[in-house]
Amino acid sequence: MNLVFISPNFPTYYWNFCKSLRERGVTVLGIGDAPYDDLVNETRESLVEYYRVNNLQNYDEVYRAMGFFIGKYGRIDYIESQNEFWLELEAKLREDFNIHHGLRPKELEVMKYKSKMKEIYKKANVPTARYKVFKNDEELYEFCKEVGFPIVVKPDNGVGAASTYKLKNKKQVSEFLTSWDRDVSFIAEEFVNGHVETFDGITDSKANILICTSHVMMQSIMDIVNEGGDTSFYGQIVEGSDIKEVGTRVVKAFDARQKFFHFEFFRLDKDKEGLGKKGDLVGLEVNMRAPGAYIPDMMNYSYNANVYDIFADMLIYDRCFIEPKQQYCIGYAGRRNGLKYKHHSQQIRMKYKNQLISHEIVPEVLSAAMANQVYLLRAKNEQEIKRMIRYVLEKDKE
């Protein structure tokens, strides 16, 4: 089996996907724009060969790299990146090289465009916020009259919380419209008073879920990116939960086969007419790739398992060889450079000892949403993990 991994060096820990596949006999081939000497040893050792292009966004270069690999190794069976930014590149390569496994460009549309996701959520009987893909100023003002303030505007086809804004009044709408890049299609949504909960996992070729989890966001990612605050969230036990039941319906509705998936929902913090009662789930977005922010490793610690191995076994054998059982709630406490915290690193290490899994420095390019320094923590229940996160992020009042 031959597999091409696009940009295997970013995020750095994605060498784990390549390692698990190569250990199982897969010929793992990498295409990236980083110099070979800049790859970490784990990435180099996990690849059979690496082809460097000057720019991954130059399709002709990547096309030639694929042709080189086919000429040398034969037919390519899979293309992966697990990165939202490269999903369209993956899909185009699959179509041009007639690779049967994975999404083609037409199939990808409902998983890339936020407006198209709404219809699939509807098929799964999951409500979503009212929206408008507006083409001019008048359409946006009309939408504001319809739903009231605040509203949220963001690219219809966008990655993460980039260029996402909460507009609270007509003045802010006017300011947005003066700076809006009209070559980019934007969607406006009514504001939902709720917090984000994810549903993350891996499916087989029949869209059966092999392993799954859910993470509760303690702040809005949109606010984190725009205001530069801390980032914190934690994993909750999903067995018997409503998010597993609703998430499973959404997996089936999107026909998510042989995928690592990351779905986002709002949990309503108060009743919302047309959407539901406080505590109900509302569909937000879908990402057909592994969740970011070290969540794959958080899943590993939650289950005492290895999701990279599970993903590799799914691709090769279409099955999972273990019966995953979730044992821990894993917390993510992300600190921001420039803010003063009450407890220094050594105090955290001493207080939590075996419950502190790791302390990571986040690459600058990812820090807007993920913060600059991250503490991963482990506890038996949600109450304890939330206390631990609050301790790590407590500010120095002096």
Protein backbone atom coordinates (compact mmCIF):
# COMPACT_ATOMS: atom_id res chain seq x y z
CA MET A 1 0.00 0.00 0.00
CA ASN A 2 1.32 3.46 -0.98
CA LEU A 3 0.21 6.61 0.87
CA VAL A 4 1.18 10.22 0.23
CA PHE A 5 1.08 12.52 3.24
CA ILE A 6 0.85 16.23 2.40
CA SER A 7 2.91 18.49 4.69
CA PRO A 8 3.92 15.74 7.14
CA ASN A 9 5.99 18.23 9.13
CA PHE A 10 3.13 20.49 10.25
CA PRO A 11 1.91 20.35 12.90
CA THR A 12 5.15 18.74 14.07
CA TYR A 13 3.46 15.87 15.94
CA TYR A 14 1.75 14.63 12.76
CA TRP A 15 4.74 12.36 12.22
CA ASN A 16 2.76 10.04 14.51
CA PHE A 17 0.32 9.32 11.67
CA CYS A 18 3.21 8.46 9.34
CA LYS A 19 4.99 6.35 11.97
CA SER A 20 1.95 4.16 12.72
CA LEU A 21 1.34 3.60 9.01
CA ARG A 22 4.97 2.77 8.20
CA GLU A 23 5.21 0.35 11.14
CA ARG A 24 2.36 -1.56 9.48
CA GLY A 25 4.18 -1.88 6.18
CA VAL A 26 2.70 1.10 4.33
CA THR A 27 5.02 2.98 1.97
CA VAL A 28 4.57 6.48 3.40
CA LEU A 29 5.69 9.25 1.03
CA GLY A 30 5.77 12.92 2.01
CA ILE A 31 5.28 16.08 -0.03
CA GLY A 32 6.06 19.38 1.69
CA ASP A 33 7.64 22.79 1.25
CA ALA A 34 9.99 22.59 4.24
CA PRO A 35 13.65 21.78 3.52
CA TYR A 36 14.50 18.17 4.33
CA ASP A 37 17.10 19.26 6.89
CA ASP A 38 14.41 21.19 8.79
CA LEU A 39 12.30 18.07 9.39
CA VAL A 40 12.49 16.62 12.88
CA ASN A 41 14.10 13.19 13.09
CA GLU A 42 10.77 11.50 13.83
CA THR A 43 9.30 12.82 10.58
CA ARG A 44 12.31 11.73 8.51
CA GLU A 45 12.31 8.26 10.06
CA SER A 46 8.58 7.83 9.43
CA LEU A 47 8.81 8.52 5.69
CA VAL A 48 10.14 6.23 2.97
CA GLU A 49 10.86 9.33 0.84
CA TYR A 50 10.23 13.07 1.02
CA TYR A 51 9.74 15.31 -2.02
CA ARG A 52 10.26 18.99 -1.37
CA VAL A 53 8.33 21.55 -3.42
CA ASN A 54 8.90 25.30 -3.28
CA ASN A 55 5.25 26.03 -2.59
CA LEU A 56 2.49 23.57 -1.71
CA GLN A 57 -0.03 26.04 -3.12
CA ASN A 58 1.57 25.67 -6.55
CA TYR A 59 -0.50 22.79 -7.92
CA ASP A 60 1.83 22.07 -10.83
CA GLU A 61 4.72 21.42 -8.42
CA VAL A 62 2.65 19.05 -6.30
CA TYR A 63 1.30 17.33 -9.42
CA ARG A 64 4.86 16.66 -10.59
CA ALA A 65 5.76 15.29 -7.15
CA MET A 66 2.85 12.86 -7.37
CA GLY A 67 3.94 11.80 -10.84
CA PHE A 68 7.46 11.15 -9.58
CA PHE A 69 6.18 8.95 -6.74
CA ILE A 70 3.88 6.98 -9.05
CA GLY A 71 6.70 6.41 -11.49
CA LYS A 72 8.94 5.13 -8.71
CA TYR A 73 6.55 3.29 -6.38
CA GLY A 74 3.48 2.53 -8.48
CA ARG A 75 -0.17 3.36 -7.84
CA ILE A 76 -0.97 5.63 -4.88
CA ASP A 77 -3.75 4.22 -2.69
CA TYR A 78 -4.31 7.10 -0.24
CA ILE A 79 -3.61 10.81 0.12
CA GLU A 80 -3.81 12.35 3.61
CA SER A 81 -2.86 15.56 5.38
CA GLN A 82 -5.24 15.78 8.37
CA ASN A 83 -5.04 19.53 7.82
CA GLU A 84 -8.05 21.67 6.93
CA PHE A 85 -5.93 23.93 4.74
CA TRP A 86 -4.96 21.09 2.37
CA LEU A 87 -8.30 19.25 2.07
CA GLU A 88 -9.07 20.83 -1.32
CA LEU A 89 -5.58 19.99 -2.57
CA GLU A 90 -6.06 16.37 -1.45
CA ALA A 91 -9.41 16.16 -3.24
CA LYS A 92 -8.08 17.58 -6.52
CA LEU A 93 -5.12 15.19 -6.51
CA ARG A 94 -7.45 12.24 -5.89
CA GLU A 95 -9.57 13.23 -8.86
CA ASP A 96 -6.66 13.91 -11.20
CA PHE A 97 -4.85 10.68 -10.30
CA ASN A 98 -8.03 8.56 -9.98
CA ILE A 99 -7.44 7.61 -6.34
CA HIS A 100 -10.55 5.84 -5.11
CA HIS A 101 -10.22 6.30 -1.35
CA GLY A 102 -11.18 9.68 0.07
CA LEU A 103 -13.21 12.72 -0.91
CA ARG A 104 -13.29 14.28 -4.38
CA PRO A 105 -13.83 18.05 -4.92
CA LYS A 106 -17.61 17.82 -5.40
CA GLU A 107 -18.06 15.68 -2.28
CA LEU A 108 -15.94 18.09 -0.26
CA GLU A 109 -18.22 21.08 -0.79
CA VAL A 110 -20.69 20.22 1.98
CA MET A 111 -17.76 19.78 4.37
CA LYS A 112 -15.98 23.03 3.48
CA TYR A 113 -18.77 25.58 3.00
CA LYS A 114 -20.52 26.55 6.22
CA SER A 115 -23.72 27.37 4.34
CA LYS A 116 -23.84 23.88 2.78
CA MET A 117 -23.22 22.19 6.14
CA LYS A 118 -26.55 23.57 7.38
CA GLU A 119 -28.58 21.33 5.06
CA ILE A 120 -26.78 18.20 6.22
CA TYR A 121 -27.32 19.09 9.87
CA LYS A 122 -30.99 19.49 8.99
CA LYS A 123 -31.04 15.95 7.57
CA ALA A 124 -29.67 14.74 10.90
CA ASN A 125 -32.51 16.60 12.67
CA VAL A 126 -30.06 18.98 14.33
CA PRO A 127 -31.01 22.68 14.38
CA THR A 128 -28.61 25.40 13.22
CA ALA A 129 -28.51 29.19 13.53
CA ARG A 130 -30.26 31.28 10.89
CA TYR A 131 -27.84 32.54 8.28
CA LYS A 132 -27.32 34.54 5.10
CA VAL A 133 -24.55 34.33 2.51
CA PHE A 134 -24.69 38.03 1.68
CA LYS A 135 -23.51 39.50 -1.60
CA ASN A 136 -23.78 43.22 -0.81
CA ASP A 137 -24.28 45.74 1.99
CA GLU A 138 -28.05 45.80 1.69
CA GLU A 139 -28.38 42.03 2.16
CA LEU A 140 -26.30 42.15 5.35
CA TYR A 141 -28.34 45.05 6.77
CA GLU A 142 -31.57 43.21 5.94
CA PHE A 143 -30.31 40.11 7.77
CA CYS A 144 -29.50 42.23 10.83
CA LYS A 145 -33.08 43.55 10.82
CA GLU A 146 -34.39 39.99 10.60
CA VAL A 147 -32.39 38.40 13.45
CA GLY A 148 -31.26 41.40 15.53
CA PHE A 149 -27.87 42.05 17.09
CA PRO A 150 -25.32 40.72 17.71
CA ILE A 151 -24.48 38.72 14.59
CA VAL A 152 -21.39 36.73 13.60
CA VAL A 153 -19.74 37.08 10.17
CA LYS A 154 -17.04 34.79 8.80
CA PRO A 155 -15.79 33.36 5.49
CA ASP A 156 -18.21 30.76 4.10
CA ASN A 157 -15.17 28.64 3.22
CA GLY A 158 -12.68 29.34 5.98
CA VAL A 159 -10.26 27.66 8.38
CA GLY A 160 -10.68 27.93 12.15
CA ALA A 161 -11.70 31.31 13.57
CA ALA A 162 -9.76 33.37 11.02
CA SER A 163 -11.60 36.55 9.92
CA THR A 164 -14.51 35.77 12.26
CA TYR A 165 -16.20 38.77 13.89
CA LYS A 166 -19.00 39.40 16.35
CA LEU A 167 -20.82 42.56 15.27
CA LYS A 168 -22.86 44.16 18.06
CA ASN A 169 -24.48 47.12 16.34
CA LYS A 170 -25.02 48.94 13.05
CA LYS A 171 -21.80 50.95 13.46
CA GLN A 172 -19.70 47.78 13.70
CA VAL A 173 -21.49 46.35 10.65
CA SER A 174 -20.62 49.52 8.72
CA GLU A 175 -16.96 49.25 9.81
CA PHE A 176 -16.86 45.61 8.68
CA LEU A 177 -18.31 46.48 5.29
CA THR A 178 -15.67 49.15 4.66
CA SER A 179 -12.88 46.59 5.13
CA TRP A 180 -14.62 43.49 3.70
CA ASP A 181 -12.67 41.74 0.95
CA ARG A 182 -15.51 41.29 -1.53
CA ASP A 183 -13.65 38.59 -3.42
CA VAL A 184 -14.23 36.37 -0.37
CA SER A 185 -17.71 34.94 0.18
CA PHE A 186 -18.88 35.67 3.75
CA ILE A 187 -21.71 34.18 5.75
CA ALA A 188 -23.65 35.98 8.49
CA GLU A 189 -25.26 34.02 11.33
CA GLU A 190 -27.49 34.96 14.21
CA PHE A 191 -25.59 34.96 17.49
CA VAL A 192 -26.10 31.87 19.64
CA ASN A 193 -25.71 32.26 23.39
CA GLY A 194 -23.92 29.01 24.15
CA HIS A 195 -20.56 27.32 24.53
CA VAL A 196 -18.88 25.02 22.02
CA GLU A 197 -18.67 21.27 22.53
CA THR A 198 -16.92 19.06 19.99
CA PHE A 199 -17.46 15.51 18.84
CA ASP A 200 -14.22 13.93 17.62
CA GLY A 201 -13.40 10.44 16.39
CA ILE A 202 -12.49 7.95 13.68
CA THR A 203 -14.83 6.03 11.37
CA ASP A 204 -14.44 2.91 9.23
CA SER A 205 -15.47 2.44 5.59
CA LYS A 206 -19.15 2.11 6.57
CA ALA A 207 -19.12 5.29 8.72
CA ASN A 208 -19.16 3.25 11.94
CA ILE A 209 -17.43 5.07 14.79
CA LEU A 210 -14.37 3.20 16.07
CA ILE A 211 -13.40 5.66 18.82
CA CYS A 212 -14.83 9.03 19.84
CA THR A 213 -14.65 11.73 22.46
CA SER A 214 -15.95 15.24 23.14
CA HIS A 215 -14.32 18.44 24.35
CA VAL A 216 -15.95 21.36 26.16
CA MET A 217 -14.60 24.81 25.28
CA MET A 218 -14.34 27.10 28.31
CA GLN A 219 -13.99 30.23 26.12
CA SER A 220 -15.05 31.24 22.64
CA ILE A 221 -12.31 30.54 20.08
CA MET A 222 -13.50 33.61 18.18
CA ASP A 223 -12.92 35.78 21.27
CA ILE A 224 -9.56 34.11 21.97
CA VAL A 225 -8.29 34.91 18.47
CA ASN A 226 -9.66 38.47 18.44
CA GLU A 227 -8.82 39.40 22.05
CA GLY A 228 -5.69 37.34 22.75
CA GLY A 229 -6.88 35.60 25.91
CA ASP A 230 -6.18 32.21 27.47
CA THR A 231 -7.33 28.99 25.81
CA SER A 232 -8.84 26.22 27.88
CA PHE A 233 -11.01 23.17 27.32
CA TYR A 234 -11.38 19.63 28.62
CA GLY A 235 -12.50 16.22 27.47
CA GLN A 236 -15.76 14.84 28.80
CA ILE A 237 -16.80 11.19 29.05
CA VAL A 238 -19.08 10.50 26.07
CA GLU A 239 -20.55 7.07 26.79
CA GLY A 240 -24.30 7.46 27.31
CA SER A 241 -24.21 11.21 26.55
CA ASP A 242 -26.51 13.18 24.27
CA ILE A 243 -23.53 14.51 22.30
CA LYS A 244 -22.56 10.98 21.32
CA GLU A 245 -26.11 10.24 20.20
CA VAL A 246 -26.44 13.50 18.23
CA GLY A 247 -22.86 13.29 16.93
CA THR A 248 -23.43 9.76 15.64
CA ARG A 249 -26.45 10.98 13.65
CA VAL A 250 -24.34 13.76 12.15
CA VAL A 251 -21.56 11.32 11.20
CA LYS A 252 -24.12 9.24 9.29
CA ALA A 253 -25.72 12.30 7.68
CA PHE A 254 -22.35 13.51 6.36
CA ASP A 255 -21.47 9.95 5.31
CA ALA A 256 -18.09 10.34 7.01
CA ARG A 257 -16.29 7.19 5.87
CA GLN A 258 -12.70 6.28 6.72
CA LYS A 259 -12.17 9.65 8.35
CA PHE A 260 -10.81 11.32 11.43
CA PHE A 261 -13.60 13.85 12.11
CA HIS A 262 -14.06 16.96 14.24
CA PHE A 263 -17.62 18.28 14.61
CA GLU A 264 -18.58 21.41 16.58
CA PHE A 265 -21.85 22.11 18.37
CA PHE A 266 -23.24 24.89 20.54
CA ARG A 267 -24.66 23.84 23.90
CA LEU A 268 -27.31 26.50 24.57
CA ASP A 269 -26.68 28.49 27.76
CA LYS A 270 -30.25 29.76 27.70
CA ASP A 271 -33.46 29.16 25.76
CA LYS A 272 -33.37 30.37 22.14
CA GLU A 273 -36.56 30.63 20.12
CA GLY A 274 -36.34 28.48 17.00
CA LEU A 275 -33.30 26.55 18.25
CA GLY A 276 -34.19 24.93 21.55
CA LYS A 277 -34.09 25.01 25.34
CA LYS A 278 -31.12 25.66 27.60
CA GLY A 279 -28.80 22.64 27.41
CA ASP A 280 -29.86 21.59 23.88
CA LEU A 281 -27.28 21.04 21.13
CA VAL A 282 -27.14 23.19 17.98
CA GLY A 283 -25.03 22.33 14.92
CA LEU A 284 -22.11 24.66 14.22
CA GLU A 285 -19.41 23.32 11.88
CA VAL A 286 -17.88 20.14 10.49
CA ASN A 287 -14.21 19.39 9.85
CA MET A 288 -13.20 16.18 8.08
CA ARG A 289 -9.74 15.91 9.58
CA ALA A 290 -8.11 15.27 12.92
CA PRO A 291 -8.89 17.91 15.57
CA GLY A 292 -6.07 20.33 16.30
CA ALA A 293 -4.63 21.70 19.54
CA TYR A 294 -3.07 18.38 20.67
CA ILE A 295 -6.54 16.79 20.84
CA PRO A 296 -5.38 13.49 19.25
CA ASP A 297 -2.90 13.11 22.11
CA MET A 298 -5.58 14.12 24.62
CA MET A 299 -7.69 11.28 23.22
CA ASN A 300 -4.76 8.92 23.74
CA TYR A 301 -4.45 9.88 27.40
CA SER A 302 -8.20 9.73 27.93
CA TYR A 303 -8.41 6.16 26.61
CA ASN A 304 -4.89 4.89 27.37
CA ALA A 305 -4.86 4.07 23.65
CA ASN A 306 -3.16 5.27 20.46
CA VAL A 307 -5.43 6.98 17.94
CA TYR A 308 -2.63 7.07 15.37
CA ASP A 309 -2.51 3.27 15.46
CA ILE A 310 -6.31 3.10 15.32
CA PHE A 311 -6.34 5.36 12.27
CA ALA A 312 -3.65 3.28 10.55
CA ASP A 313 -5.49 0.00 11.30
CA MET A 314 -8.68 1.53 9.95
CA LEU A 315 -7.04 2.43 6.62
CA ILE A 316 -5.28 -0.91 6.23
CA TYR A 317 -7.68 -3.42 7.82
CA ASP A 318 -10.91 -1.39 8.13
CA ARG A 319 -11.21 -2.25 11.81
CA CYS A 320 -10.06 -1.36 15.30
CA PHE A 321 -8.22 -4.12 17.18
CA ILE A 322 -9.03 -2.86 20.69
CA GLU A 323 -12.22 -2.07 22.59
CA PRO A 324 -11.61 1.56 23.59
CA LYS A 325 -12.79 2.55 27.07
CA GLN A 326 -12.59 6.16 28.16
CA GLN A 327 -10.99 6.46 31.60
CA TYR A 328 -9.91 10.08 32.15
CA CYS A 329 -10.94 13.68 31.54
CA ILE A 330 -8.00 15.49 29.93
CA GLY A 331 -7.62 19.24 30.33
CA TYR A 332 -5.93 21.83 28.12
CA ALA A 333 -4.76 25.03 29.85
CA GLY A 334 -3.17 27.47 27.39
CA ARG A 335 -1.30 30.48 28.73
CA ARG A 336 -0.65 33.67 26.78
CA ASN A 337 2.76 35.37 26.73
CA GLY A 338 2.64 38.82 28.32
CA LEU A 339 0.01 37.95 30.93
CA LYS A 340 0.98 37.54 34.60
CA TYR A 341 -0.08 34.29 36.25
CA LYS A 342 -0.24 33.56 39.97
CA HIS A 343 1.43 30.13 39.84
CA HIS A 344 4.74 29.52 38.09
CA SER A 345 5.61 26.36 36.21
CA GLN A 346 7.43 24.68 39.10
CA GLN A 347 4.44 25.20 41.42
CA ILE A 348 2.18 23.54 38.84
CA ARG A 349 4.58 20.61 38.50
CA MET A 350 4.81 20.16 42.26
CA LYS A 351 1.05 20.45 42.86
CA TYR A 352 -0.10 18.04 40.16
CA LYS A 353 2.93 15.73 39.79
CA ASN A 354 1.61 12.62 38.01
CA GLN A 355 -1.52 14.45 36.80
CA LEU A 356 0.53 16.84 34.66
CA ILE A 357 0.95 15.05 31.34
CA SER A 358 3.08 17.60 29.50
CA HIS A 359 4.07 21.24 29.14
CA GLU A 360 4.28 22.31 25.48
CA ILE A 361 5.48 25.43 23.68
CA VAL A 362 3.07 26.19 20.82
CA PRO A 363 4.48 27.19 17.40
CA GLU A 364 3.90 30.90 16.79
CA VAL A 365 1.78 30.25 13.68
CA LEU A 366 -0.75 28.31 15.81
CA SER A 367 -0.68 30.45 18.93
CA ALA A 368 -3.55 32.81 18.04
CA ALA A 369 -6.10 30.11 18.88
CA MET A 370 -3.98 27.72 20.98
CA ALA A 371 -2.10 30.25 23.21
CA ASN A 372 1.69 30.19 23.68
CA GLN A 373 2.29 27.61 26.41
CA VAL A 374 0.08 24.62 27.08
CA TYR A 375 -0.32 22.39 30.12
CA LEU A 376 -2.06 19.05 29.51
CA LEU A 377 -3.63 17.63 32.68
CA ARG A 378 -5.44 14.43 33.66
CA ALA A 379 -8.26 13.83 36.17
CA LYS A 380 -10.97 11.27 36.89
CA ASN A 381 -13.92 13.67 36.53
CA GLU A 382 -14.97 17.01 35.07
CA GLN A 383 -15.13 18.88 38.39
CA GLU A 384 -11.52 18.05 39.21
CA ILE A 385 -10.15 18.88 35.76
CA LYS A 386 -11.91 22.25 35.76
CA ARG A 387 -10.35 23.09 39.15
CA MET A 388 -6.92 22.18 37.80
CA ILE A 389 -7.35 24.35 34.70
CA ARG A 390 -8.48 27.32 36.83
CA TYR A 391 -5.37 26.92 39.02
CA VAL A 392 -3.01 26.97 36.03
CA LEU A 393 -4.70 30.03 34.50
CA GLU A 394 -5.26 32.04 37.69
CA LYS A 395 -3.90 35.55 37.22
CA ASP A 396 -1.53 37.44 39.51
CA LYS A 397 -3.59 40.38 40.84
CA GLU A 398 -0.54 42.46 41.82
